[in-house]
Amino acid sequence: MGGAWKANKLLGMLAFAALFSPANVRAAEWRVDTVDTSGNAQFTSMQIDKNGNVHVAYVPDVDGHPLKYAYWDRAAKKWFTMGVTQIASFATLTLDSKQRPHISFADHGTGKGARLRHAAWDGSSWKVTPINIQPGTVVGYYTGIGLDAKDNPFFSFYDYADRNEAFRLRLRAVSLVTDHWEARTVDAQGGSGKFNSLAVDSAGRPQIAYANVKYESSGLRYASWNGETWKKEILEGDGTPTPVYSVAMVLDSHDIPHVTYSLVQNGAVKYATKIGGRWVTQVVDSIKGVAYPDRNGIALDSKGNPHISYYDSKAGVLKVAHAERGRWLVETLDENSTGFTSSVAIFDDTIWVAYSDETNAALKVAHRSLTEETKSVDNAVSKTNVVSK
């Protein structure tokens, strides 16, 4: 009864949000740290461990395309950075039960031999290994990683081409079964999975939010593994081409998915979640231009409210939005061509955002308190849509 009441209450709040537009706000002041000036830090992916230490994976856009790792020591109040490996792209980071980082990434580029790889910190050094799928499989674009309660890894990836460089363009997932990697096709339709985001639920099963980028079939999709097969759902673009980029997803403590993504044609940043078994979508904000190949950030606060970071490529600004009392409040965090592939995490009522600074060729991480009241500066008309049963 309690769960149903909460779902109905939230659905009512979302319907109420249809009366309002995103409101621009002034919030508590952000503290912005310039963490690394070795290059424009692309593909940032951030997690905060149970002790409040911050972990960030990123790839500076410089010769060699190194995969790097930054660590904020909460006790020392200091950032540390180190190299992990070279020739990397599209990194995603998660933490295991010992609070040690694991990173999935693709080799830089989509030429013959580009592979999916796994970097894991063993307490003293990084261990980087290729994920052996099918000989010659060319992996490109976004990768996802998640761990179950026993630290068994799951990966999602875009199967770009075969060993002869013939296009495949499909979403696949791979997991470790005893002593070998087992890959499965999640969505075989061409263009599926170029943007993908994976999380593992409380039952130890992977869930993936992803985009199909082939124009005729373009849209947002969701796949869940039931132990035997992948169940696929179309959230946007069922029958109407809807180009989608920038997909990111988290699961809450009840295994309910929360997804953010951007619509290319009208510059809408959107949010989707399941309420009472139905997908509900909202327009968070509109931007002048969607970056490519970008990734939004999403995290939930202690009350379950979503916080989303996203980049407006034409305006060159990084924005952060959060849902509060039935509407979206939007603030500009940074500007002057900063914010590509941002990542968000929340710990102890503090929000953290990692992002690239293209102008100053740097990795930046900003944080501020969530406890201070945000003040609205304007409002207008927005939408909430129930998209499936």
Protein backbone atom coordinates (compact mmCIF):
# COMPACT_ATOMS: atom_id res chain seq x y z
CA MET A 1 0.00 0.00 0.00
CA GLY A 2 2.82 2.43 0.92
CA GLY A 3 4.60 1.84 -2.41
CA ALA A 4 1.40 2.37 -4.39
CA TRP A 5 0.63 5.56 -2.46
CA LYS A 6 4.12 6.92 -3.16
CA ALA A 7 3.84 6.05 -6.84
CA ASN A 8 0.44 7.75 -7.13
CA LYS A 9 1.72 10.79 -5.27
CA LEU A 10 4.73 11.08 -7.55
CA LEU A 11 2.56 10.64 -10.64
CA GLY A 12 0.37 13.45 -9.36
CA MET A 13 3.42 15.64 -8.83
CA LEU A 14 4.60 14.93 -12.37
CA ALA A 15 1.19 15.78 -13.78
CA PHE A 16 1.24 19.00 -11.76
CA ALA A 17 4.61 19.80 -13.34
CA ALA A 18 2.85 20.07 -16.71
CA LEU A 19 1.62 23.48 -15.59
CA PHE A 20 5.11 24.91 -15.23
CA SER A 21 8.25 25.41 -17.27
CA PRO A 22 11.78 24.93 -16.02
CA ALA A 23 12.56 27.86 -13.73
CA ASN A 24 15.98 29.49 -13.74
CA VAL A 25 17.37 29.73 -10.23
CA ARG A 26 20.18 31.13 -8.16
CA ALA A 27 21.46 28.54 -5.71
CA ALA A 28 24.24 28.20 -3.18
CA GLU A 29 27.62 29.17 -4.59
CA TRP A 30 29.56 26.50 -6.43
CA ARG A 31 33.16 25.78 -5.51
CA VAL A 32 35.00 24.86 -8.71
CA ASP A 33 38.32 22.98 -8.64
CA THR A 34 40.60 22.77 -11.66
CA VAL A 35 41.85 19.22 -11.14
CA ASP A 36 44.01 18.52 -14.21
CA THR A 37 45.28 20.85 -16.95
CA SER A 38 46.80 18.16 -19.18
CA GLY A 39 44.01 18.47 -21.78
CA ASN A 40 40.29 18.88 -22.40
CA ALA A 41 38.94 16.10 -20.15
CA GLN A 42 36.36 14.17 -22.15
CA PHE A 43 34.07 11.30 -21.07
CA THR A 44 34.14 12.16 -17.37
CA SER A 45 32.54 9.52 -15.15
CA MET A 46 32.34 10.03 -11.39
CA GLN A 47 31.37 8.08 -8.27
CA ILE A 48 31.62 8.88 -4.56
CA ASP A 49 32.50 6.08 -2.16
CA LYS A 50 30.91 5.40 1.23
CA ASN A 51 33.61 7.48 2.97
CA GLY A 52 32.94 10.55 0.85
CA ASN A 53 36.02 10.24 -1.38
CA VAL A 54 35.45 11.22 -5.03
CA HIS A 55 36.60 9.08 -7.99
CA VAL A 56 36.69 10.37 -11.58
CA ALA A 57 37.71 8.67 -14.85
CA TYR A 58 38.38 10.86 -17.91
CA VAL A 59 40.26 11.01 -21.22
CA PRO A 60 42.22 14.22 -22.01
CA ASP A 61 41.91 15.12 -25.68
CA VAL A 62 45.66 15.05 -26.40
CA ASP A 63 48.06 12.86 -28.36
CA GLY A 64 47.99 9.32 -27.01
CA HIS A 65 44.43 9.75 -25.67
CA PRO A 66 45.35 8.62 -22.14
CA LEU A 67 42.81 7.22 -19.73
CA LYS A 68 43.30 9.07 -16.44
CA TYR A 69 41.93 8.85 -12.92
CA ALA A 70 41.42 11.59 -10.33
CA TYR A 71 40.78 11.04 -6.62
CA TRP A 72 39.55 13.50 -4.02
CA ASP A 73 40.75 12.49 -0.56
CA ARG A 74 38.05 13.75 1.79
CA ALA A 75 40.30 13.66 4.86
CA ALA A 76 43.22 15.44 3.20
CA LYS A 77 40.89 17.70 1.17
CA LYS A 78 43.18 17.26 -1.80
CA TRP A 79 43.02 16.00 -5.39
CA PHE A 80 45.41 13.37 -6.74
CA THR A 81 45.65 12.28 -10.41
CA MET A 82 47.32 9.38 -12.20
CA GLY A 83 47.49 7.77 -15.60
CA VAL A 84 45.79 4.41 -16.20
CA THR A 85 46.62 3.53 -19.82
CA GLN A 86 46.81 5.00 -23.35
CA ILE A 87 44.65 5.04 -26.51
CA ALA A 88 41.30 5.23 -24.67
CA SER A 89 37.85 6.73 -25.11
CA PHE A 90 34.27 6.59 -23.79
CA ALA A 91 35.14 5.67 -20.21
CA THR A 92 32.62 4.76 -17.49
CA LEU A 93 33.54 4.26 -13.82
CA THR A 94 31.97 2.29 -10.97
CA LEU A 95 33.08 1.16 -7.50
CA ASP A 96 33.24 -2.35 -6.05
CA SER A 97 32.38 -3.54 -2.54
CA LYS A 98 35.87 -2.52 -1.35
CA GLN A 99 35.28 0.96 -2.78
CA ARG A 100 37.90 0.40 -5.46
CA PRO A 101 37.35 1.84 -8.96
CA HIS A 102 36.62 -0.16 -12.09
CA ILE A 103 36.54 1.50 -15.51
CA SER A 104 35.14 0.26 -18.81
CA PHE A 105 36.42 1.93 -21.95
CA ALA A 106 36.83 1.49 -25.68
CA ASP A 107 40.10 1.89 -27.53
CA HIS A 108 40.37 5.27 -29.21
CA GLY A 109 38.86 5.28 -32.70
CA THR A 110 36.82 2.69 -34.57
CA GLY A 111 39.50 1.10 -36.73
CA LYS A 112 40.36 -2.58 -36.93
CA GLY A 113 41.46 -3.90 -33.54
CA ALA A 114 39.56 -1.38 -31.38
CA ARG A 115 38.44 -3.34 -28.30
CA LEU A 116 36.42 -3.13 -25.13
CA ARG A 117 38.68 -3.03 -22.06
CA HIS A 118 38.43 -3.16 -18.28
CA ALA A 119 40.70 -1.27 -15.88
CA ALA A 120 40.56 -2.23 -12.20
CA TRP A 121 42.50 -0.88 -9.21
CA ASP A 122 43.70 -3.76 -7.02
CA GLY A 123 44.85 -1.61 -4.11
CA SER A 124 48.34 -0.96 -5.42
CA SER A 125 48.15 -0.69 -9.23
CA TRP A 126 45.83 -0.66 -12.23
CA LYS A 127 45.17 -3.93 -14.03
CA VAL A 128 44.02 -3.33 -17.61
CA THR A 129 42.63 -6.29 -19.57
CA PRO A 130 40.83 -6.69 -22.89
CA ILE A 131 37.35 -8.21 -22.80
CA ASN A 132 37.56 -11.15 -25.18
CA ILE A 133 34.30 -11.29 -27.10
CA GLN A 134 34.39 -12.53 -30.68
CA PRO A 135 37.75 -12.35 -32.44
CA GLY A 136 38.05 -9.15 -34.45
CA THR A 137 34.98 -7.41 -32.99
CA VAL A 138 35.41 -3.64 -33.36
CA VAL A 139 34.02 -1.74 -30.37
CA GLY A 140 33.30 1.98 -30.50
CA TYR A 141 31.49 4.77 -28.70
CA TYR A 142 29.91 4.45 -25.27
CA THR A 143 30.55 1.63 -22.83
CA GLY A 144 28.78 0.82 -19.58
CA ILE A 145 29.89 -1.07 -16.48
CA GLY A 146 28.12 -2.40 -13.40
CA LEU A 147 28.95 -4.85 -10.61
CA ASP A 148 26.66 -7.19 -8.70
CA ALA A 149 26.85 -7.79 -4.94
CA LYS A 150 29.73 -10.25 -5.46
CA ASP A 151 31.63 -7.77 -7.65
CA ASN A 152 30.94 -9.74 -10.82
CA PRO A 153 31.16 -7.28 -13.72
CA PHE A 154 28.71 -6.56 -16.52
CA PHE A 155 29.52 -4.42 -19.56
CA SER A 156 27.44 -2.82 -22.29
CA PHE A 157 29.01 -1.78 -25.57
CA TYR A 158 28.36 -0.73 -29.15
CA ASP A 159 29.35 -3.58 -31.47
CA TYR A 160 30.54 -1.33 -34.27
CA ALA A 161 31.97 -3.72 -36.88
CA ASP A 162 33.34 -7.20 -37.48
CA ARG A 163 36.95 -8.20 -38.13
CA ASN A 164 36.58 -7.18 -41.78
CA GLU A 165 35.28 -3.77 -40.70
CA ALA A 166 31.77 -4.48 -41.99
CA PHE A 167 29.26 -2.50 -39.92
CA ARG A 168 27.24 -4.24 -37.21
CA LEU A 169 26.00 -1.22 -35.22
CA ARG A 170 24.19 -3.08 -32.47
CA LEU A 171 23.97 -3.07 -28.67
CA ARG A 172 25.57 -5.99 -26.86
CA ALA A 173 26.30 -6.90 -23.25
CA VAL A 174 28.98 -9.14 -21.80
CA SER A 175 29.48 -10.77 -18.41
CA LEU A 176 31.99 -13.11 -16.79
CA VAL A 177 30.68 -16.67 -16.56
CA THR A 178 33.02 -18.86 -14.49
CA ASP A 179 36.27 -18.44 -16.42
CA HIS A 180 35.16 -16.89 -19.71
CA TRP A 181 33.35 -13.86 -21.09
CA GLU A 182 29.86 -14.46 -22.43
CA ALA A 183 28.39 -11.87 -24.82
CA ARG A 184 24.74 -11.47 -25.77
CA THR A 185 23.05 -9.24 -28.30
CA VAL A 186 20.68 -6.88 -26.51
CA ASP A 187 19.23 -5.11 -29.55
CA ALA A 188 20.20 -6.21 -33.06
CA GLN A 189 18.42 -3.40 -34.90
CA GLY A 190 20.97 -1.22 -36.69
CA GLY A 191 22.04 1.88 -34.78
CA SER A 192 21.05 0.53 -31.35
CA GLY A 193 23.37 1.36 -28.45
CA LYS A 194 25.75 4.05 -29.68
CA PHE A 195 24.75 5.91 -26.53
CA ASN A 196 24.20 3.47 -23.66
CA SER A 197 24.15 3.47 -19.87
CA LEU A 198 24.15 0.34 -17.68
CA ALA A 199 23.23 -0.31 -14.04
CA VAL A 200 22.86 -3.54 -12.06
CA ASP A 201 19.72 -4.00 -9.95
CA SER A 202 19.41 -5.50 -6.46
CA ALA A 203 18.88 -8.97 -7.97
CA GLY A 204 22.23 -8.71 -9.76
CA ARG A 205 20.70 -8.24 -13.21
CA PRO A 206 21.79 -5.56 -15.68
CA GLN A 207 19.50 -2.84 -17.01
CA ILE A 208 20.46 -0.63 -19.97
CA ALA A 209 19.07 2.67 -21.22
CA TYR A 210 20.19 3.41 -24.76
CA ALA A 211 19.54 5.26 -28.01
CA ASN A 212 18.97 3.95 -31.48
CA VAL A 213 20.68 6.49 -33.75
CA LYS A 214 19.62 5.27 -37.20
CA TYR A 215 17.23 8.01 -38.32
CA GLU A 216 14.36 5.77 -39.47
CA SER A 217 14.27 3.89 -36.14
CA SER A 218 15.79 6.56 -33.89
CA GLY A 219 14.63 7.00 -30.32
CA LEU A 220 15.18 6.08 -26.68
CA ARG A 221 15.00 2.46 -25.55
CA TYR A 222 15.37 0.43 -22.37
CA ALA A 223 16.40 -3.21 -21.93
CA SER A 224 16.25 -5.35 -18.80
CA TRP A 225 17.74 -8.83 -18.32
CA ASN A 226 15.41 -11.34 -16.60
CA GLY A 227 18.00 -14.10 -16.32
CA GLU A 228 17.17 -15.66 -19.68
CA THR A 229 16.32 -12.93 -22.20
CA TRP A 230 16.44 -9.19 -22.70
CA LYS A 231 13.10 -7.41 -22.46
CA LYS A 232 13.14 -4.29 -24.66
CA GLU A 233 10.92 -1.21 -24.46
CA ILE A 234 10.68 1.90 -26.65
CA LEU A 235 10.26 5.11 -24.66
CA GLU A 236 10.52 7.64 -27.50
CA GLY A 237 10.46 7.16 -31.27
CA ASP A 238 7.98 4.30 -31.58
CA GLY A 239 6.82 4.92 -35.16
CA THR A 240 8.21 8.46 -35.33
CA PRO A 241 11.94 9.06 -35.86
CA THR A 242 13.27 10.82 -32.75
CA PRO A 243 17.07 11.32 -32.78
CA VAL A 244 18.41 10.94 -29.23
CA TYR A 245 21.88 11.55 -27.74
CA SER A 246 23.44 11.95 -24.29
CA VAL A 247 21.77 9.01 -22.50
CA ALA A 248 22.52 8.40 -18.80
CA MET A 249 20.70 6.31 -16.21
CA VAL A 250 20.67 5.39 -12.50
CA LEU A 251 18.54 2.97 -10.49
CA ASP A 252 17.10 4.00 -7.14
CA SER A 253 16.92 1.84 -4.00
CA HIS A 254 13.71 0.22 -5.32
CA ASP A 255 15.32 -0.61 -8.70
CA ILE A 256 13.25 2.08 -10.43
CA PRO A 257 15.15 3.54 -13.41
CA HIS A 258 15.77 7.27 -13.80
CA VAL A 259 16.97 8.26 -17.26
CA THR A 260 18.12 11.52 -18.82
CA TYR A 261 18.68 12.13 -22.52
CA SER A 262 18.58 14.90 -25.12
CA LEU A 263 16.46 15.23 -28.27
CA VAL A 264 18.59 16.44 -31.16
CA GLN A 265 16.01 18.16 -33.36
CA ASN A 266 14.42 20.48 -30.80
CA GLY A 267 17.18 20.66 -28.19
CA ALA A 268 15.01 19.28 -25.39
CA VAL A 269 16.73 17.78 -22.34
CA LYS A 270 14.41 15.13 -20.94
CA TYR A 271 13.90 12.87 -17.93
CA ALA A 272 12.11 9.52 -17.83
CA THR A 273 11.18 7.23 -14.97
CA LYS A 274 8.78 4.38 -14.28
CA ILE A 275 5.78 5.01 -12.05
CA GLY A 276 3.35 2.21 -11.36
CA GLY A 277 4.93 0.20 -14.17
CA ARG A 278 4.48 3.00 -16.74
CA TRP A 279 7.16 5.16 -18.28
CA VAL A 280 6.63 8.86 -17.62
CA THR A 281 8.73 11.49 -19.40
CA GLN A 282 9.25 15.18 -18.74
CA VAL A 283 10.94 18.05 -20.53
CA VAL A 284 13.62 19.36 -18.17
CA ASP A 285 14.91 22.28 -20.22
CA SER A 286 15.56 23.42 -23.79
CA ILE A 287 19.04 24.17 -25.09
CA LYS A 288 20.34 25.82 -28.26
CA GLY A 289 22.40 22.83 -29.37
CA VAL A 290 23.00 19.20 -28.36
CA ALA A 291 26.70 18.23 -28.36
CA TYR A 292 27.98 15.09 -30.05
CA PRO A 293 28.88 12.56 -28.77
CA ASP A 294 27.83 13.95 -25.40
CA ARG A 295 26.62 12.30 -22.20
CA ASN A 296 24.40 13.93 -19.57
CA GLY A 297 24.86 13.24 -15.87
CA ILE A 298 22.20 12.09 -13.39
CA ALA A 299 22.09 11.37 -9.65
CA LEU A 300 19.43 11.14 -6.94
CA ASP A 301 19.54 13.02 -3.65
CA SER A 302 18.55 11.61 -0.24
CA LYS A 303 14.89 12.42 -0.94
CA GLY A 304 14.97 10.66 -4.30
CA ASN A 305 14.87 13.87 -6.33
CA PRO A 306 16.78 13.66 -9.63
CA HIS A 307 19.63 16.07 -10.44
CA ILE A 308 20.74 16.31 -14.07
CA SER A 309 23.77 17.97 -15.68
CA TYR A 310 23.87 18.78 -19.40
CA TYR A 311 25.83 20.82 -21.91
CA ASP A 312 24.48 23.40 -24.35
CA SER A 313 27.01 23.20 -27.17
CA LYS A 314 25.87 26.34 -29.02
CA ALA A 315 25.72 28.52 -25.92
CA GLY A 316 28.84 26.85 -24.52
CA VAL A 317 27.37 26.49 -21.03
CA LEU A 318 26.99 23.72 -18.46
CA LYS A 319 23.64 23.56 -16.70
CA VAL A 320 22.35 21.62 -13.72
CA ALA A 321 18.64 20.99 -13.10
CA HIS A 322 16.78 19.33 -10.28
CA ALA A 323 13.18 18.41 -9.60
CA GLU A 324 11.63 20.08 -6.60
CA ARG A 325 7.97 20.42 -5.54
CA GLY A 326 6.65 19.38 -8.94
CA ARG A 327 8.86 21.46 -11.23
CA TRP A 328 12.37 21.64 -12.63
CA LEU A 329 14.77 24.28 -11.31
CA VAL A 330 17.68 25.11 -13.62
CA GLU A 331 20.98 26.83 -12.91
CA THR A 332 24.06 27.60 -15.00
CA LEU A 333 27.17 26.13 -13.40
CA ASP A 334 29.88 27.19 -15.86
CA GLU A 335 30.25 28.77 -19.28
CA ASN A 336 32.77 29.68 -21.99
CA SER A 337 32.72 26.22 -23.66
CA THR A 338 32.72 24.10 -20.52
CA GLY A 339 30.60 21.06 -19.69
CA PHE A 340 30.99 18.41 -22.38
CA THR A 341 30.28 14.84 -21.10
CA SER A 342 29.54 15.83 -17.50
CA SER A 343 28.93 13.47 -14.60
CA VAL A 344 27.01 14.01 -11.33
CA ALA A 345 27.22 12.38 -7.90
CA ILE A 346 25.69 13.26 -4.52
CA PHE A 347 26.99 12.52 -1.03
CA ASP A 348 26.05 13.90 2.38
CA ASP A 349 23.76 16.60 0.92
CA THR A 350 26.49 17.87 -1.38
CA ILE A 351 26.26 17.66 -5.17
CA TRP A 352 29.42 17.14 -7.24
CA VAL A 353 29.76 17.67 -11.01
CA ALA A 354 32.80 16.60 -13.07
CA TYR A 355 33.20 18.06 -16.55
CA SER A 356 35.56 19.14 -19.30
CA ASP A 357 36.82 22.69 -19.79
CA GLU A 358 37.58 22.98 -23.50
CA THR A 359 38.75 26.60 -23.31
CA ASN A 360 41.37 25.94 -20.64
CA ALA A 361 42.10 22.31 -21.60
CA ALA A 362 41.26 20.97 -18.17
CA LEU A 363 39.23 18.66 -15.95
CA LYS A 364 37.04 20.57 -13.54
CA VAL A 365 35.00 19.33 -10.58
CA ALA A 366 32.45 21.58 -8.90
CA HIS A 367 30.46 21.04 -5.74
CA ARG A 368 27.93 22.86 -3.59
CA SER A 369 25.57 22.22 -0.69
CA LEU A 370 22.03 21.04 -1.40
CA THR A 371 20.69 22.26 1.92
CA GLU A 372 20.48 25.96 1.07
CA GLU A 373 17.23 27.14 -0.48
CA THR A 374 17.18 27.76 -4.24
CA LYS A 375 15.46 30.92 -5.43
CA SER A 376 13.44 31.06 -8.62
CA VAL A 377 14.03 33.90 -11.07
CA ASP A 378 11.44 33.09 -13.72
CA ASN A 379 8.77 30.62 -14.93
CA ALA A 380 6.42 29.66 -18.04
CA VAL A 381 4.64 26.23 -19.60
CA SER A 382 6.02 22.61 -19.81
CA LYS A 383 4.89 18.99 -20.37
CA THR A 384 4.69 15.63 -18.73
CA ASN A 385 3.89 12.57 -20.85
CA VAL A 386 2.97 9.02 -19.96
CA VAL A 387 4.57 7.08 -22.81
CA SER A 388 3.81 3.41 -22.15
CA LYS A 389 1.93 0.99 -19.93
